[in-house]
Amino acid sequence: MAAVGEFVPTALAALVAVLFAVALVTMAADRLTVAGLCFLSASLLIYLRERWLRDSNVDA
């Protein structure tokens, strides 16, 4: 069973992939505001994921 320290970054990475897919589809459909918000959200989640990984490595 995976520890929570491994599950959270993996879940965030999966969510980022979904947000990028949604952003690309909405961009193709000319819904640029929604696409921009998806890209922004994905960027923030990438930052949070990297921070989570950095903090979990410091504690180990």
PDB file of N, CA and C in Angstrom:
ATOM      1  N   MET A   1       0.845  -1.181   0.000  1.00  0.00           N
ATOM      2  CA  MET A   1       0.000   0.000   0.000  1.00  0.00           C
ATOM      3  C   MET A   1       0.885   1.237   0.000  1.00  0.00           C
ATOM      4  N   ALA A   2       0.548   2.194  -0.823  1.00  0.00           N
ATOM      5  CA  ALA A   2       1.351   3.413  -0.951  1.00  0.00           C
ATOM      6  C   ALA A   2       1.092   4.344   0.227  1.00  0.00           C
ATOM      7  N   ALA A   3       2.141   4.995   0.647  1.00  0.00           N
ATOM      8  CA  ALA A   3       2.006   5.960   1.733  1.00  0.00           C
ATOM      9  C   ALA A   3       1.365   7.237   1.204  1.00  0.00           C
ATOM     10  N   VAL A   4       0.835   8.029   2.120  1.00  0.00           N
ATOM     11  CA  VAL A   4       0.199   9.292   1.726  1.00  0.00           C
ATOM     12  C   VAL A   4       1.223  10.196   1.050  1.00  0.00           C
ATOM     13  N   GLY A   5       2.465  10.137   1.474  1.00  0.00           N
ATOM     14  CA  GLY A   5       3.510  10.959   0.879  1.00  0.00           C
ATOM     15  C   GLY A   5       3.732  10.669  -0.591  1.00  0.00           C
ATOM     16  N   GLU A   6       3.394   9.458  -1.028  1.00  0.00           N
ATOM     17  CA  GLU A   6       3.522   9.103  -2.445  1.00  0.00           C
ATOM     18  C   GLU A   6       2.214   9.323  -3.207  1.00  0.00           C
ATOM     19  N   PHE A   7       1.089   9.207  -2.506  1.00  0.00           N
ATOM     20  CA  PHE A   7      -0.207   9.313  -3.166  1.00  0.00           C
ATOM     21  C   PHE A   7      -0.521  10.741  -3.591  1.00  0.00           C
ATOM     22  N   VAL A   8      -0.260  11.698  -2.734  1.00  0.00           N
ATOM     23  CA  VAL A   8      -0.633  13.089  -3.014  1.00  0.00           C
ATOM     24  C   VAL A   8       0.078  13.625  -4.261  1.00  0.00           C
ATOM     25  N   PRO A   9       1.402  13.496  -4.386  1.00  0.00           N
ATOM     26  CA  PRO A   9       2.037  13.992  -5.616  1.00  0.00           C
ATOM     27  C   PRO A   9       1.551  13.281  -6.876  1.00  0.00           C
ATOM     28  N   THR A  10       1.259  11.998  -6.759  1.00  0.00           N
ATOM     29  CA  THR A  10       0.758  11.257  -7.915  1.00  0.00           C
ATOM     30  C   THR A  10      -0.637  11.743  -8.305  1.00  0.00           C
ATOM     31  N   ALA A  11      -1.487  11.963  -7.315  1.00  0.00           N
ATOM     32  CA  ALA A  11      -2.836  12.471  -7.595  1.00  0.00           C
ATOM     33  C   ALA A  11      -2.775  13.871  -8.203  1.00  0.00           C
ATOM     34  N   LEU A  12      -1.875  14.708  -7.696  1.00  0.00           N
ATOM     35  CA  LEU A  12      -1.730  16.050  -8.259  1.00  0.00           C
ATOM     36  C   LEU A  12      -1.241  15.994  -9.704  1.00  0.00           C
ATOM     37  N   ALA A  13      -0.315  15.089  -9.992  1.00  0.00           N
ATOM     38  CA  ALA A  13       0.180  14.957 -11.369  1.00  0.00           C
ATOM     39  C   ALA A  13      -0.948  14.503 -12.302  1.00  0.00           C
ATOM     40  N   ALA A  14      -1.789  13.594 -11.839  1.00  0.00           N
ATOM     41  CA  ALA A  14      -2.920  13.138 -12.654  1.00  0.00           C
ATOM     42  C   ALA A  14      -3.905  14.282 -12.885  1.00  0.00           C
ATOM     43  N   LEU A  15      -4.151  15.066 -11.858  1.00  0.00           N
ATOM     44  CA  LEU A  15      -5.059  16.205 -11.994  1.00  0.00           C
ATOM     45  C   LEU A  15      -4.497  17.253 -12.958  1.00  0.00           C
ATOM     46  N   VAL A  16      -3.193  17.462 -12.921  1.00  0.00           N
ATOM     47  CA  VAL A  16      -2.558  18.390 -13.860  1.00  0.00           C
ATOM     48  C   VAL A  16      -2.738  17.908 -15.294  1.00  0.00           C
ATOM     49  N   ALA A  17      -2.572  16.607 -15.517  1.00  0.00           N
ATOM     50  CA  ALA A  17      -2.765  16.063 -16.864  1.00  0.00           C
ATOM     51  C   ALA A  17      -4.203  16.278 -17.339  1.00  0.00           C
ATOM     52  N   VAL A  18      -5.169  16.082 -16.455  1.00  0.00           N
ATOM     53  CA  VAL A  18      -6.573  16.306 -16.813  1.00  0.00           C
ATOM     54  C   VAL A  18      -6.815  17.786 -17.122  1.00  0.00           C
ATOM     55  N   LEU A  19      -6.252  18.666 -16.307  1.00  0.00           N
ATOM     56  CA  LEU A  19      -6.428  20.101 -16.552  1.00  0.00           C
ATOM     57  C   LEU A  19      -5.815  20.524 -17.884  1.00  0.00           C
ATOM     58  N   PHE A  20      -4.650  19.979 -18.225  1.00  0.00           N
ATOM     59  CA  PHE A  20      -4.051  20.300 -19.525  1.00  0.00           C
ATOM     60  C   PHE A  20      -4.940  19.813 -20.661  1.00  0.00           C
ATOM     61  N   ALA A  21      -5.511  18.616 -20.524  1.00  0.00           N
ATOM     62  CA  ALA A  21      -6.395  18.096 -21.569  1.00  0.00           C
ATOM     63  C   ALA A  21      -7.635  18.981 -21.720  1.00  0.00           C
ATOM     64  N   VAL A  22      -8.225  19.364 -20.600  1.00  0.00           N
ATOM     65  CA  VAL A  22      -9.400  20.245 -20.643  1.00  0.00           C
ATOM     66  C   VAL A  22      -9.023  21.582 -21.266  1.00  0.00           C
ATOM     67  N   ALA A  23      -7.864  22.107 -20.904  1.00  0.00           N
ATOM     68  CA  ALA A  23      -7.427  23.391 -21.449  1.00  0.00           C
ATOM     69  C   ALA A  23      -7.246  23.311 -22.961  1.00  0.00           C
ATOM     70  N   LEU A  24      -6.659  22.232 -23.443  1.00  0.00           N
ATOM     71  CA  LEU A  24      -6.455  22.101 -24.886  1.00  0.00           C
ATOM     72  C   LEU A  24      -7.779  21.980 -25.636  1.00  0.00           C
ATOM     73  N   VAL A  25      -8.708  21.225 -25.066  1.00  0.00           N
ATOM     74  CA  VAL A  25     -10.021  21.069 -25.718  1.00  0.00           C
ATOM     75  C   VAL A  25     -10.765  22.392 -25.723  1.00  0.00           C
ATOM     76  N   THR A  26     -10.759  23.091 -24.593  1.00  0.00           N
ATOM     77  CA  THR A  26     -11.478  24.360 -24.541  1.00  0.00           C
ATOM     78  C   THR A  26     -10.799  25.428 -25.393  1.00  0.00           C
ATOM     79  N   MET A  27      -9.493  25.350 -25.522  1.00  0.00           N
ATOM     80  CA  MET A  27      -8.797  26.296 -26.389  1.00  0.00           C
ATOM     81  C   MET A  27      -9.182  26.047 -27.850  1.00  0.00           C
ATOM     82  N   ALA A  28      -9.290  24.772 -28.219  1.00  0.00           N
ATOM     83  CA  ALA A  28      -9.700  24.442 -29.588  1.00  0.00           C
ATOM     84  C   ALA A  28     -11.139  24.863 -29.850  1.00  0.00           C
ATOM     85  N   ALA A  29     -11.959  24.881 -28.792  1.00  0.00           N
ATOM     86  CA  ALA A  29     -13.360  25.295 -28.929  1.00  0.00           C
ATOM     87  C   ALA A  29     -13.520  26.805 -28.780  1.00  0.00           C
ATOM     88  N   ASP A  30     -12.424  27.522 -28.743  1.00  0.00           N
ATOM     89  CA  ASP A  30     -12.410  28.984 -28.658  1.00  0.00           C
ATOM     90  C   ASP A  30     -13.014  29.494 -27.350  1.00  0.00           C
ATOM     91  N   ARG A  31     -12.842  28.739 -26.277  1.00  0.00           N
ATOM     92  CA  ARG A  31     -13.240  29.172 -24.931  1.00  0.00           C
ATOM     93  C   ARG A  31     -11.956  29.529 -24.195  1.00  0.00           C
ATOM     94  N   LEU A  32     -11.357  30.650 -24.563  1.00  0.00           N
ATOM     95  CA  LEU A  32     -10.017  30.993 -24.101  1.00  0.00           C
ATOM     96  C   LEU A  32      -9.951  31.331 -22.622  1.00  0.00           C
ATOM     97  N   THR A  33     -11.005  31.873 -22.064  1.00  0.00           N
ATOM     98  CA  THR A  33     -11.005  32.188 -20.632  1.00  0.00           C
ATOM     99  C   THR A  33     -10.930  30.907 -19.804  1.00  0.00           C
ATOM    100  N   VAL A  34     -11.735  29.925 -20.183  1.00  0.00           N
ATOM    101  CA  VAL A  34     -11.718  28.648 -19.470  1.00  0.00           C
ATOM    102  C   VAL A  34     -10.371  27.963 -19.654  1.00  0.00           C
ATOM    103  N   ALA A  35      -9.844  28.002 -20.862  1.00  0.00           N
ATOM    104  CA  ALA A  35      -8.540  27.392 -21.123  1.00  0.00           C
ATOM    105  C   ALA A  35      -7.451  28.067 -20.288  1.00  0.00           C
ATOM    106  N   GLY A  36      -7.495  29.374 -20.235  1.00  0.00           N
ATOM    107  CA  GLY A  36      -6.500  30.093 -19.445  1.00  0.00           C
ATOM    108  C   GLY A  36      -6.574  29.757 -17.969  1.00  0.00           C
ATOM    109  N   LEU A  37      -7.788  29.635 -17.449  1.00  0.00           N
ATOM    110  CA  LEU A  37      -7.944  29.264 -16.043  1.00  0.00           C
ATOM    111  C   LEU A  37      -7.465  27.841 -15.783  1.00  0.00           C
ATOM    112  N   CYS A  38      -7.676  26.947 -16.734  1.00  0.00           N
ATOM    113  CA  CYS A  38      -7.177  25.577 -16.584  1.00  0.00           C
ATOM    114  C   CYS A  38      -5.653  25.550 -16.584  1.00  0.00           C
ATOM    115  N   PHE A  39      -5.042  26.304 -17.495  1.00  0.00           N
ATOM    116  CA  PHE A  39      -3.580  26.370 -17.518  1.00  0.00           C
ATOM    117  C   PHE A  39      -3.033  26.984 -16.229  1.00  0.00           C
ATOM    118  N   LEU A  40      -3.677  28.029 -15.744  1.00  0.00           N
ATOM    119  CA  LEU A  40      -3.246  28.657 -14.501  1.00  0.00           C
ATOM    120  C   LEU A  40      -3.382  27.692 -13.321  1.00  0.00           C
ATOM    121  N   SER A  41      -4.494  26.984 -13.266  1.00  0.00           N
ATOM    122  CA  SER A  41      -4.704  26.009 -12.195  1.00  0.00           C
ATOM    123  C   SER A  41      -3.672  24.892 -12.263  1.00  0.00           C
ATOM    124  N   ALA A  42      -3.367  24.433 -13.462  1.00  0.00           N
ATOM    125  CA  ALA A  42      -2.361  23.388 -13.611  1.00  0.00           C
ATOM    126  C   ALA A  42      -0.995  23.888 -13.140  1.00  0.00           C
ATOM    127  N   SER A  43      -0.664  25.117 -13.450  1.00  0.00           N
ATOM    128  CA  SER A  43       0.617  25.674 -13.015  1.00  0.00           C
ATOM    129  C   SER A  43       0.704  25.749 -11.497  1.00  0.00           C
ATOM    130  N   LEU A  44      -0.387  26.159 -10.862  1.00  0.00           N
ATOM    131  CA  LEU A  44      -0.399  26.218  -9.401  1.00  0.00           C
ATOM    132  C   LEU A  44      -0.293  24.827  -8.785  1.00  0.00           C
ATOM    133  N   LEU A  45      -0.948  23.853  -9.379  1.00  0.00           N
ATOM    134  CA  LEU A  45      -0.852  22.493  -8.859  1.00  0.00           C
ATOM    135  C   LEU A  45       0.547  21.916  -9.032  1.00  0.00           C
ATOM    136  N   ILE A  46       1.211  22.251 -10.128  1.00  0.00           N
ATOM    137  CA  ILE A  46       2.596  21.807 -10.318  1.00  0.00           C
ATOM    138  C   ILE A  46       3.479  22.398  -9.225  1.00  0.00           C
ATOM    139  N   TYR A  47       3.270  23.666  -8.920  1.00  0.00           N
ATOM    140  CA  TYR A  47       4.035  24.312  -7.848  1.00  0.00           C
ATOM    141  C   TYR A  47       3.783  23.617  -6.509  1.00  0.00           C
ATOM    142  N   LEU A  48       2.510  23.358  -6.194  1.00  0.00           N
ATOM    143  CA  LEU A  48       2.184  22.695  -4.931  1.00  0.00           C
ATOM    144  C   LEU A  48       2.761  21.286  -4.863  1.00  0.00           C
ATOM    145  N   ARG A  49       2.739  20.575  -5.989  1.00  0.00           N
ATOM    146  CA  ARG A  49       3.301  19.216  -6.030  1.00  0.00           C
ATOM    147  C   ARG A  49       4.801  19.242  -5.769  1.00  0.00           C
ATOM    148  N   GLU A  50       5.495  20.138  -6.420  1.00  0.00           N
ATOM    149  CA  GLU A  50       6.943  20.218  -6.217  1.00  0.00           C
ATOM    150  C   GLU A  50       7.276  20.624  -4.785  1.00  0.00           C
ATOM    151  N   ARG A  51       6.476  21.498  -4.245  1.00  0.00           N
ATOM    152  CA  ARG A  51       6.699  21.910  -2.856  1.00  0.00           C
ATOM    153  C   ARG A  51       6.452  20.752  -1.897  1.00  0.00           C
ATOM    154  N   TRP A  52       5.393  19.971  -2.168  1.00  0.00           N
ATOM    155  CA  TRP A  52       5.094  18.795  -1.347  1.00  0.00           C
ATOM    156  C   TRP A  52       6.262  17.812  -1.407  1.00  0.00           C
ATOM    157  N   LEU A  53       6.782  17.574  -2.613  1.00  0.00           N
ATOM    158  CA  LEU A  53       7.898  16.632  -2.760  1.00  0.00           C
ATOM    159  C   LEU A  53       9.147  17.140  -2.062  1.00  0.00           C
ATOM    160  N   ARG A  54       9.409  18.438  -2.159  1.00  0.00           N
ATOM    161  CA  ARG A  54      10.572  19.012  -1.497  1.00  0.00           C
ATOM    162  C   ARG A  54      10.450  18.892   0.015  1.00  0.00           C
ATOM    163  N   ASP A  55       9.273  19.221   0.544  1.00  0.00           N
ATOM    164  CA  ASP A  55       9.068  19.150   1.989  1.00  0.00           C
ATOM    165  C   ASP A  55       9.124  17.721   2.500  1.00  0.00           C
ATOM    166  N   SER A  56       8.635  16.765   1.715  1.00  0.00           N
ATOM    167  CA  SER A  56       8.676  15.375   2.184  1.00  0.00           C
ATOM    168  C   SER A  56      10.096  14.828   2.138  1.00  0.00           C
ATOM    169  N   ASN A  57      10.936  15.339   1.237  1.00  0.00           N
ATOM    170  CA  ASN A  57      12.338  14.916   1.200  1.00  0.00           C
ATOM    171  C   ASN A  57      13.148  15.504   2.349  1.00  0.00           C
ATOM    172  N   VAL A  58      12.796  16.671   2.808  1.00  0.00           N
ATOM    173  CA  VAL A  58      13.493  17.308   3.920  1.00  0.00           C
ATOM    174  C   VAL A  58      13.198  16.551   5.207  1.00  0.00           C
ATOM    175  N   ASP A  59      11.951  16.090   5.367  1.00  0.00           N
ATOM    176  CA  ASP A  59      11.557  15.370   6.579  1.00  0.00           C
ATOM    177  C   ASP A  59      12.156  13.974   6.640  1.00  0.00           C
ATOM    178  N   ALA A  60      12.462  13.390   5.495  1.00  0.00           N
ATOM    179  CA  ALA A  60      12.959  11.997   5.470  1.00  0.00           C
ATOM    180  C   ALA A  60      14.384  11.876   5.924  1.00  0.00           C
TER     181      ALA A  60
END
